[in-house]
């Protein structure tokens, strides 16, 4: 029977590989699920602008530049 020696460098490399594989699987599956949901029409389009509900008057400088054009 052969026993392998795992030094700290190899252990760190294995942990890094496992973490990278998990991150890749999570990111790939998230992108894949988004594509599947958008293909099936399950994603709602959010076309509303974030600042549409803010009512702000134009400043005097903006009013003057609009009237100059």
PDB file of N, CA and C in Angstrom:
ATOM      1  N   UNK A   1       0.849  -1.172   0.000  1.00  0.00           N
ATOM      2  CA  UNK A   1       0.000   0.000   0.000  1.00  0.00           C
ATOM      3  C   UNK A   1       0.892   1.231   0.000  1.00  0.00           C
ATOM      4  N   UNK A   2       0.499   2.227  -0.803  1.00  0.00           N
ATOM      5  CA  UNK A   2       1.287   3.451  -0.931  1.00  0.00           C
ATOM      6  C   UNK A   2       0.604   4.580  -0.165  1.00  0.00           C
ATOM      7  N   UNK A   3       1.360   5.257   0.633  1.00  0.00           N
ATOM      8  CA  UNK A   3       0.845   6.414   1.363  1.00  0.00           C
ATOM      9  C   UNK A   3       1.432   7.686   0.761  1.00  0.00           C
ATOM     10  N   UNK A   4       0.593   8.643   0.515  1.00  0.00           N
ATOM     11  CA  UNK A   4       1.047   9.903  -0.067  1.00  0.00           C
ATOM     12  C   UNK A   4       1.322  10.909   1.040  1.00  0.00           C
ATOM     13  N   UNK A   5       2.306  11.753   0.790  1.00  0.00           N
ATOM     14  CA  UNK A   5       2.643  12.804   1.746  1.00  0.00           C
ATOM     15  C   UNK A   5       2.000  14.106   1.280  1.00  0.00           C
ATOM     16  N   UNK A   6       1.145  14.685   2.105  1.00  0.00           N
ATOM     17  CA  UNK A   6       0.509  15.961   1.795  1.00  0.00           C
ATOM     18  C   UNK A   6       1.196  17.049   2.614  1.00  0.00           C
ATOM     19  N   UNK A   7       2.004  17.858   1.959  1.00  0.00           N
ATOM     20  CA  UNK A   7       2.639  18.964   2.662  1.00  0.00           C
ATOM     21  C   UNK A   7       1.686  20.162   2.678  1.00  0.00           C
ATOM     22  N   UNK A   8       1.981  21.204   3.464  1.00  0.00           N
ATOM     23  CA  UNK A   8       1.065  22.353   3.564  1.00  0.00           C
ATOM     24  C   UNK A   8       0.816  23.056   2.232  1.00  0.00           C
ATOM     25  N   UNK A   9       1.804  23.073   1.364  1.00  0.00           N
ATOM     26  CA  UNK A   9       1.615  23.707   0.054  1.00  0.00           C
ATOM     27  C   UNK A   9       0.583  22.984  -0.784  1.00  0.00           C
ATOM     28  N   UNK A  10       0.635  21.670  -0.764  1.00  0.00           N
ATOM     29  CA  UNK A  10      -0.336  20.877  -1.515  1.00  0.00           C
ATOM     30  C   UNK A  10      -1.736  21.026  -0.917  1.00  0.00           C
ATOM     31  N   UNK A  11      -1.810  21.062   0.402  1.00  0.00           N
ATOM     32  CA  UNK A  11      -3.112  21.248   1.053  1.00  0.00           C
ATOM     33  C   UNK A  11      -3.735  22.581   0.699  1.00  0.00           C
ATOM     34  N   UNK A  12      -2.917  23.644   0.682  1.00  0.00           N
ATOM     35  CA  UNK A  12      -3.430  24.966   0.311  1.00  0.00           C
ATOM     36  C   UNK A  12      -3.866  24.983  -1.146  1.00  0.00           C
ATOM     37  N   UNK A  13      -3.110  24.296  -1.991  1.00  0.00           N
ATOM     38  CA  UNK A  13      -3.468  24.243  -3.411  1.00  0.00           C
ATOM     39  C   UNK A  13      -4.780  23.483  -3.611  1.00  0.00           C
ATOM     40  N   UNK A  14      -4.983  22.419  -2.872  1.00  0.00           N
ATOM     41  CA  UNK A  14      -6.235  21.663  -2.984  1.00  0.00           C
ATOM     42  C   UNK A  14      -7.425  22.481  -2.489  1.00  0.00           C
ATOM     43  N   UNK A  15      -7.232  23.200  -1.386  1.00  0.00           N
ATOM     44  CA  UNK A  15      -8.311  24.054  -0.870  1.00  0.00           C
ATOM     45  C   UNK A  15      -8.647  25.156  -1.870  1.00  0.00           C
ATOM     46  N   UNK A  16      -7.618  25.750  -2.477  1.00  0.00           N
ATOM     47  CA  UNK A  16      -7.844  26.787  -3.471  1.00  0.00           C
ATOM     48  C   UNK A  16      -8.588  26.235  -4.685  1.00  0.00           C
ATOM     49  N   UNK A  17      -8.247  25.048  -5.107  1.00  0.00           N
ATOM     50  CA  UNK A  17      -8.920  24.427  -6.251  1.00  0.00           C
ATOM     51  C   UNK A  17     -10.385  24.141  -5.936  1.00  0.00           C
ATOM     52  N   UNK A  18     -10.669  23.687  -4.734  1.00  0.00           N
ATOM     53  CA  UNK A  18     -12.056  23.407  -4.344  1.00  0.00           C
ATOM     54  C   UNK A  18     -12.871  24.692  -4.283  1.00  0.00           C
ATOM     55  N   UNK A  19     -12.302  25.747  -3.706  1.00  0.00           N
ATOM     56  CA  UNK A  19     -13.005  27.030  -3.621  1.00  0.00           C
ATOM     57  C   UNK A  19     -13.250  27.595  -5.014  1.00  0.00           C
ATOM     58  N   UNK A  20     -12.259  27.510  -5.892  1.00  0.00           N
ATOM     59  CA  UNK A  20     -12.424  28.011  -7.260  1.00  0.00           C
ATOM     60  C   UNK A  20     -13.480  27.212  -8.017  1.00  0.00           C
ATOM     61  N   UNK A  21     -13.514  25.901  -7.817  1.00  0.00           N
ATOM     62  CA  UNK A  21     -14.514  25.076  -8.492  1.00  0.00           C
ATOM     63  C   UNK A  21     -15.919  25.410  -8.011  1.00  0.00           C
ATOM     64  N   UNK A  22     -16.080  25.614  -6.723  1.00  0.00           N
ATOM     65  CA  UNK A  22     -17.401  25.971  -6.182  1.00  0.00           C
ATOM     66  C   UNK A  22     -17.838  27.332  -6.719  1.00  0.00           C
ATOM     67  N   UNK A  23     -16.927  28.299  -6.744  1.00  0.00           N
ATOM     68  CA  UNK A  23     -17.271  29.626  -7.264  1.00  0.00           C
ATOM     69  C   UNK A  23     -17.638  29.559  -8.739  1.00  0.00           C
ATOM     70  N   UNK A  24     -16.914  28.776  -9.512  1.00  0.00           N
ATOM     71  CA  UNK A  24     -17.219  28.645 -10.939  1.00  0.00           C
ATOM     72  C   UNK A  24     -18.577  27.999 -11.158  1.00  0.00           C
ATOM     73  N   UNK A  25     -18.892  26.989 -10.385  1.00  0.00           N
ATOM     74  CA  UNK A  25     -20.193  26.323 -10.515  1.00  0.00           C
ATOM     75  C   UNK A  25     -21.325  27.274 -10.160  1.00  0.00           C
ATOM     76  N   UNK A  26     -21.154  28.049  -9.094  1.00  0.00           N
ATOM     77  CA  UNK A  26     -22.197  28.990  -8.676  1.00  0.00           C
ATOM     78  C   UNK A  26     -22.412  30.063  -9.741  1.00  0.00           C
ATOM     79  N   UNK A  27     -21.329  30.651 -10.244  1.00  0.00           N
ATOM     80  CA  UNK A  27     -21.471  31.707 -11.250  1.00  0.00           C
ATOM     81  C   UNK A  27     -22.022  31.165 -12.566  1.00  0.00           C
ATOM     82  N   UNK A  28     -21.586  29.998 -12.974  1.00  0.00           N
ATOM     83  CA  UNK A  28     -22.091  29.417 -14.216  1.00  0.00           C
ATOM     84  C   UNK A  28     -23.567  29.075 -14.110  1.00  0.00           C
ATOM     85  N   UNK A  29     -23.956  28.500 -12.982  1.00  0.00           N
ATOM     86  CA  UNK A  29     -25.357  28.117 -12.839  1.00  0.00           C
ATOM     87  C   UNK A  29     -26.257  29.340 -12.727  1.00  0.00           C
ATOM     88  N   UNK A  30     -25.762  30.413 -12.115  1.00  0.00           N
ATOM     89  CA  UNK A  30     -26.554  31.641 -12.016  1.00  0.00           C
ATOM     90  C   UNK A  30     -26.785  32.222 -13.407  1.00  0.00           C
ATOM     91  N   UNK A  31     -25.762  32.242 -14.228  1.00  0.00           N
ATOM     92  CA  UNK A  31     -25.890  32.759 -15.583  1.00  0.00           C
ATOM     93  C   UNK A  31     -26.798  31.855 -16.411  1.00  0.00           C
ATOM     94  N   UNK A  32     -26.653  30.559 -16.254  1.00  0.00           N
ATOM     95  CA  UNK A  32     -27.481  29.608 -16.996  1.00  0.00           C
ATOM     96  C   UNK A  32     -28.949  29.731 -16.603  1.00  0.00           C
ATOM     97  N   UNK A  33     -29.228  29.856 -15.317  1.00  0.00           N
ATOM     98  CA  UNK A  33     -30.615  29.990 -14.866  1.00  0.00           C
ATOM     99  C   UNK A  33     -31.232  31.291 -15.367  1.00  0.00           C
ATOM    100  N   UNK A  34     -30.441  32.378 -15.417  1.00  0.00           N
ATOM    101  CA  UNK A  34     -30.957  33.639 -15.947  1.00  0.00           C
ATOM    102  C   UNK A  34     -31.332  33.490 -17.417  1.00  0.00           C
ATOM    103  N   UNK A  35     -30.485  32.806 -18.194  1.00  0.00           N
ATOM    104  CA  UNK A  35     -30.784  32.615 -19.608  1.00  0.00           C
ATOM    105  C   UNK A  35     -32.018  31.750 -19.804  1.00  0.00           C
ATOM    106  N   UNK A  36     -32.166  30.709 -19.000  1.00  0.00           N
ATOM    107  CA  UNK A  36     -33.337  29.836 -19.108  1.00  0.00           C
ATOM    108  C   UNK A  36     -34.601  30.593 -18.735  1.00  0.00           C
ATOM    109  N   UNK A  37     -34.546  31.368 -17.650  1.00  0.00           N
ATOM    110  CA  UNK A  37     -35.724  32.122 -17.226  1.00  0.00           C
ATOM    111  C   UNK A  37     -36.101  33.191 -18.242  1.00  0.00           C
ATOM    112  N   UNK A  38     -35.109  33.868 -18.818  1.00  0.00           N
ATOM    113  CA  UNK A  38     -35.431  34.889 -19.813  1.00  0.00           C
ATOM    114  C   UNK A  38     -35.967  34.248 -21.089  1.00  0.00           C
ATOM    115  N   UNK A  39     -35.499  33.055 -21.448  1.00  0.00           N
ATOM    116  CA  UNK A  39     -36.024  32.361 -22.619  1.00  0.00           C
ATOM    117  C   UNK A  39     -37.474  31.954 -22.410  1.00  0.00           C
ATOM    118  N   UNK A  40     -37.804  31.524 -21.208  1.00  0.00           N
ATOM    119  CA  UNK A  40     -39.171  31.106 -20.904  1.00  0.00           C
ATOM    120  C   UNK A  40     -40.088  32.275 -20.575  1.00  0.00           C
ATOM    121  N   UNK A  41     -39.521  33.466 -20.463  1.00  0.00           N
ATOM    122  CA  UNK A  41     -40.333  34.650 -20.172  1.00  0.00           C
ATOM    123  C   UNK A  41     -40.702  34.796 -18.714  1.00  0.00           C
ATOM    124  N   UNK A  42     -39.925  34.226 -17.832  1.00  0.00           N
ATOM    125  CA  UNK A  42     -40.223  34.305 -16.408  1.00  0.00           C
ATOM    126  C   UNK A  42     -39.597  35.530 -15.738  1.00  0.00           C
ATOM    127  N   UNK A  43     -38.784  36.279 -16.483  1.00  0.00           N
ATOM    128  CA  UNK A  43     -38.133  37.458 -15.927  1.00  0.00           C
ATOM    129  C   UNK A  43     -38.948  38.681 -16.334  1.00  0.00           C
ATOM    130  N   UNK A  44     -39.314  39.487 -15.361  1.00  0.00           N
ATOM    131  CA  UNK A  44     -40.079  40.694 -15.641  1.00  0.00           C
ATOM    132  C   UNK A  44     -39.125  41.798 -16.057  1.00  0.00           C
ATOM    133  N   UNK A  45     -39.485  42.514 -17.130  1.00  0.00           N
ATOM    134  CA  UNK A  45     -38.675  43.646 -17.562  1.00  0.00           C
ATOM    135  C   UNK A  45     -38.924  44.816 -16.632  1.00  0.00           C
ATOM    136  N   UNK A  46     -37.857  45.376 -16.143  1.00  0.00           N
ATOM    137  CA  UNK A  46     -37.947  46.531 -15.248  1.00  0.00           C
ATOM    138  C   UNK A  46     -37.489  47.753 -16.036  1.00  0.00           C
ATOM    139  N   UNK A  47     -38.397  48.263 -16.902  1.00  0.00           N
ATOM    140  CA  UNK A  47     -38.039  49.375 -17.770  1.00  0.00           C
ATOM    141  C   UNK A  47     -38.178  50.728 -17.078  1.00  0.00           C
ATOM    142  N   UNK A  48     -38.730  50.746 -15.900  1.00  0.00           N
ATOM    143  CA  UNK A  48     -38.910  52.012 -15.215  1.00  0.00           C
ATOM    144  C   UNK A  48     -37.571  52.540 -14.742  1.00  0.00           C
ATOM    145  N   UNK A  49     -37.404  53.831 -14.958  1.00  0.00           N
ATOM    146  CA  UNK A  49     -36.183  54.471 -14.502  1.00  0.00           C
ATOM    147  C   UNK A  49     -36.239  54.627 -12.993  1.00  0.00           C
ATOM    148  N   UNK A  50     -35.109  54.497 -12.363  1.00  0.00           N
ATOM    149  CA  UNK A  50     -35.044  54.559 -10.907  1.00  0.00           C
ATOM    150  C   UNK A  50     -35.449  55.934 -10.388  1.00  0.00           C
ATOM    151  N   UNK A  51     -35.170  56.981 -11.158  1.00  0.00           N
ATOM    152  CA  UNK A  51     -35.399  58.337 -10.684  1.00  0.00           C
ATOM    153  C   UNK A  51     -36.646  58.970 -11.298  1.00  0.00           C
ATOM    154  N   UNK A  52     -37.544  58.180 -11.871  1.00  0.00           N
ATOM    155  CA  UNK A  52     -38.754  58.736 -12.457  1.00  0.00           C
ATOM    156  C   UNK A  52     -39.680  59.346 -11.410  1.00  0.00           C
ATOM    157  N   UNK A  53     -39.686  58.823 -10.213  1.00  0.00           N
ATOM    158  CA  UNK A  53     -40.601  59.307  -9.204  1.00  0.00           C
ATOM    159  C   UNK A  53     -40.089  60.538  -8.470  1.00  0.00           C
ATOM    160  N   UNK A  54     -38.885  60.985  -8.753  1.00  0.00           N
ATOM    161  CA  UNK A  54     -38.337  62.182  -8.101  1.00  0.00           C
ATOM    162  C   UNK A  54     -38.736  63.392  -8.919  1.00  0.00           C
ATOM    163  N   UNK A  55     -39.406  64.330  -8.291  1.00  0.00           N
ATOM    164  CA  UNK A  55     -39.866  65.538  -8.961  1.00  0.00           C
ATOM    165  C   UNK A  55     -38.929  66.685  -8.602  1.00  0.00           C
ATOM    166  N   UNK A  56     -38.065  67.024  -9.553  1.00  0.00           N
ATOM    167  CA  UNK A  56     -37.076  68.071  -9.312  1.00  0.00           C
ATOM    168  C   UNK A  56     -37.273  69.144 -10.366  1.00  0.00           C
ATOM    169  N   UNK A  57     -37.344  70.395  -9.916  1.00  0.00           N
ATOM    170  CA  UNK A  57     -37.447  71.519 -10.845  1.00  0.00           C
ATOM    171  C   UNK A  57     -36.079  71.824 -11.427  1.00  0.00           C
ATOM    172  N   UNK A  58     -36.073  72.337 -12.661  1.00  0.00           N
ATOM    173  CA  UNK A  58     -34.815  72.739 -13.284  1.00  0.00           C
ATOM    174  C   UNK A  58     -34.240  73.943 -12.558  1.00  0.00           C
ATOM    175  N   UNK A  59     -32.936  73.995 -12.494  1.00  0.00           N
ATOM    176  CA  UNK A  59     -32.299  75.151 -11.870  1.00  0.00           C
ATOM    177  C   UNK A  59     -32.319  76.324 -12.841  1.00  0.00           C
ATOM    178  N   UNK A  60     -31.965  77.485 -12.369  1.00  0.00           N
ATOM    179  CA  UNK A  60     -31.962  78.685 -13.212  1.00  0.00           C
ATOM    180  C   UNK A  60     -30.949  78.552 -14.346  1.00  0.00           C
ATOM    181  N   UNK A  61     -29.834  77.936 -14.096  1.00  0.00           N
ATOM    182  CA  UNK A  61     -28.817  77.764 -15.135  1.00  0.00           C
ATOM    183  C   UNK A  61     -29.346  76.860 -16.240  1.00  0.00           C
ATOM    184  N   UNK A  62     -30.025  75.787 -15.880  1.00  0.00           N
ATOM    185  CA  UNK A  62     -30.575  74.885 -16.888  1.00  0.00           C
ATOM    186  C   UNK A  62     -31.688  75.563 -17.681  1.00  0.00           C
ATOM    187  N   UNK A  63     -32.491  76.387 -17.028  1.00  0.00           N
ATOM    188  CA  UNK A  63     -33.558  77.104 -17.740  1.00  0.00           C
ATOM    189  C   UNK A  63     -32.964  78.086 -18.735  1.00  0.00           C
ATOM    190  N   UNK A  64     -31.872  78.765 -18.331  1.00  0.00           N
ATOM    191  CA  UNK A  64     -31.245  79.731 -19.237  1.00  0.00           C
ATOM    192  C   UNK A  64     -30.593  79.048 -20.437  1.00  0.00           C
ATOM    193  N   UNK A  65     -29.969  77.930 -20.240  1.00  0.00           N
ATOM    194  CA  UNK A  65     -29.318  77.239 -21.366  1.00  0.00           C
ATOM    195  C   UNK A  65     -30.356  76.634 -22.303  1.00  0.00           C
ATOM    196  N   UNK A  66     -31.496  76.212 -21.789  1.00  0.00           N
ATOM    197  CA  UNK A  66     -32.555  75.682 -22.652  1.00  0.00           C
ATOM    198  C   UNK A  66     -33.181  76.781 -23.488  1.00  0.00           C
ATOM    199  N   UNK A  67     -33.319  77.961 -22.911  1.00  0.00           N
ATOM    200  CA  UNK A  67     -33.933  79.062 -23.651  1.00  0.00           C
ATOM    201  C   UNK A  67     -32.977  79.661 -24.676  1.00  0.00           C
ATOM    202  N   UNK A  68     -31.663  79.490 -24.465  1.00  0.00           N
ATOM    203  CA  UNK A  68     -30.678  80.015 -25.415  1.00  0.00           C
ATOM    204  C   UNK A  68     -30.634  79.186 -26.682  1.00  0.00           C
ATOM    205  N   UNK A  69     -30.966  77.930 -26.599  1.00  0.00           N
ATOM    206  CA  UNK A  69     -30.895  77.053 -27.785  1.00  0.00           C
ATOM    207  C   UNK A  69     -32.056  77.288 -28.629  1.00  0.00           C
TER     208      UNK A  69
END
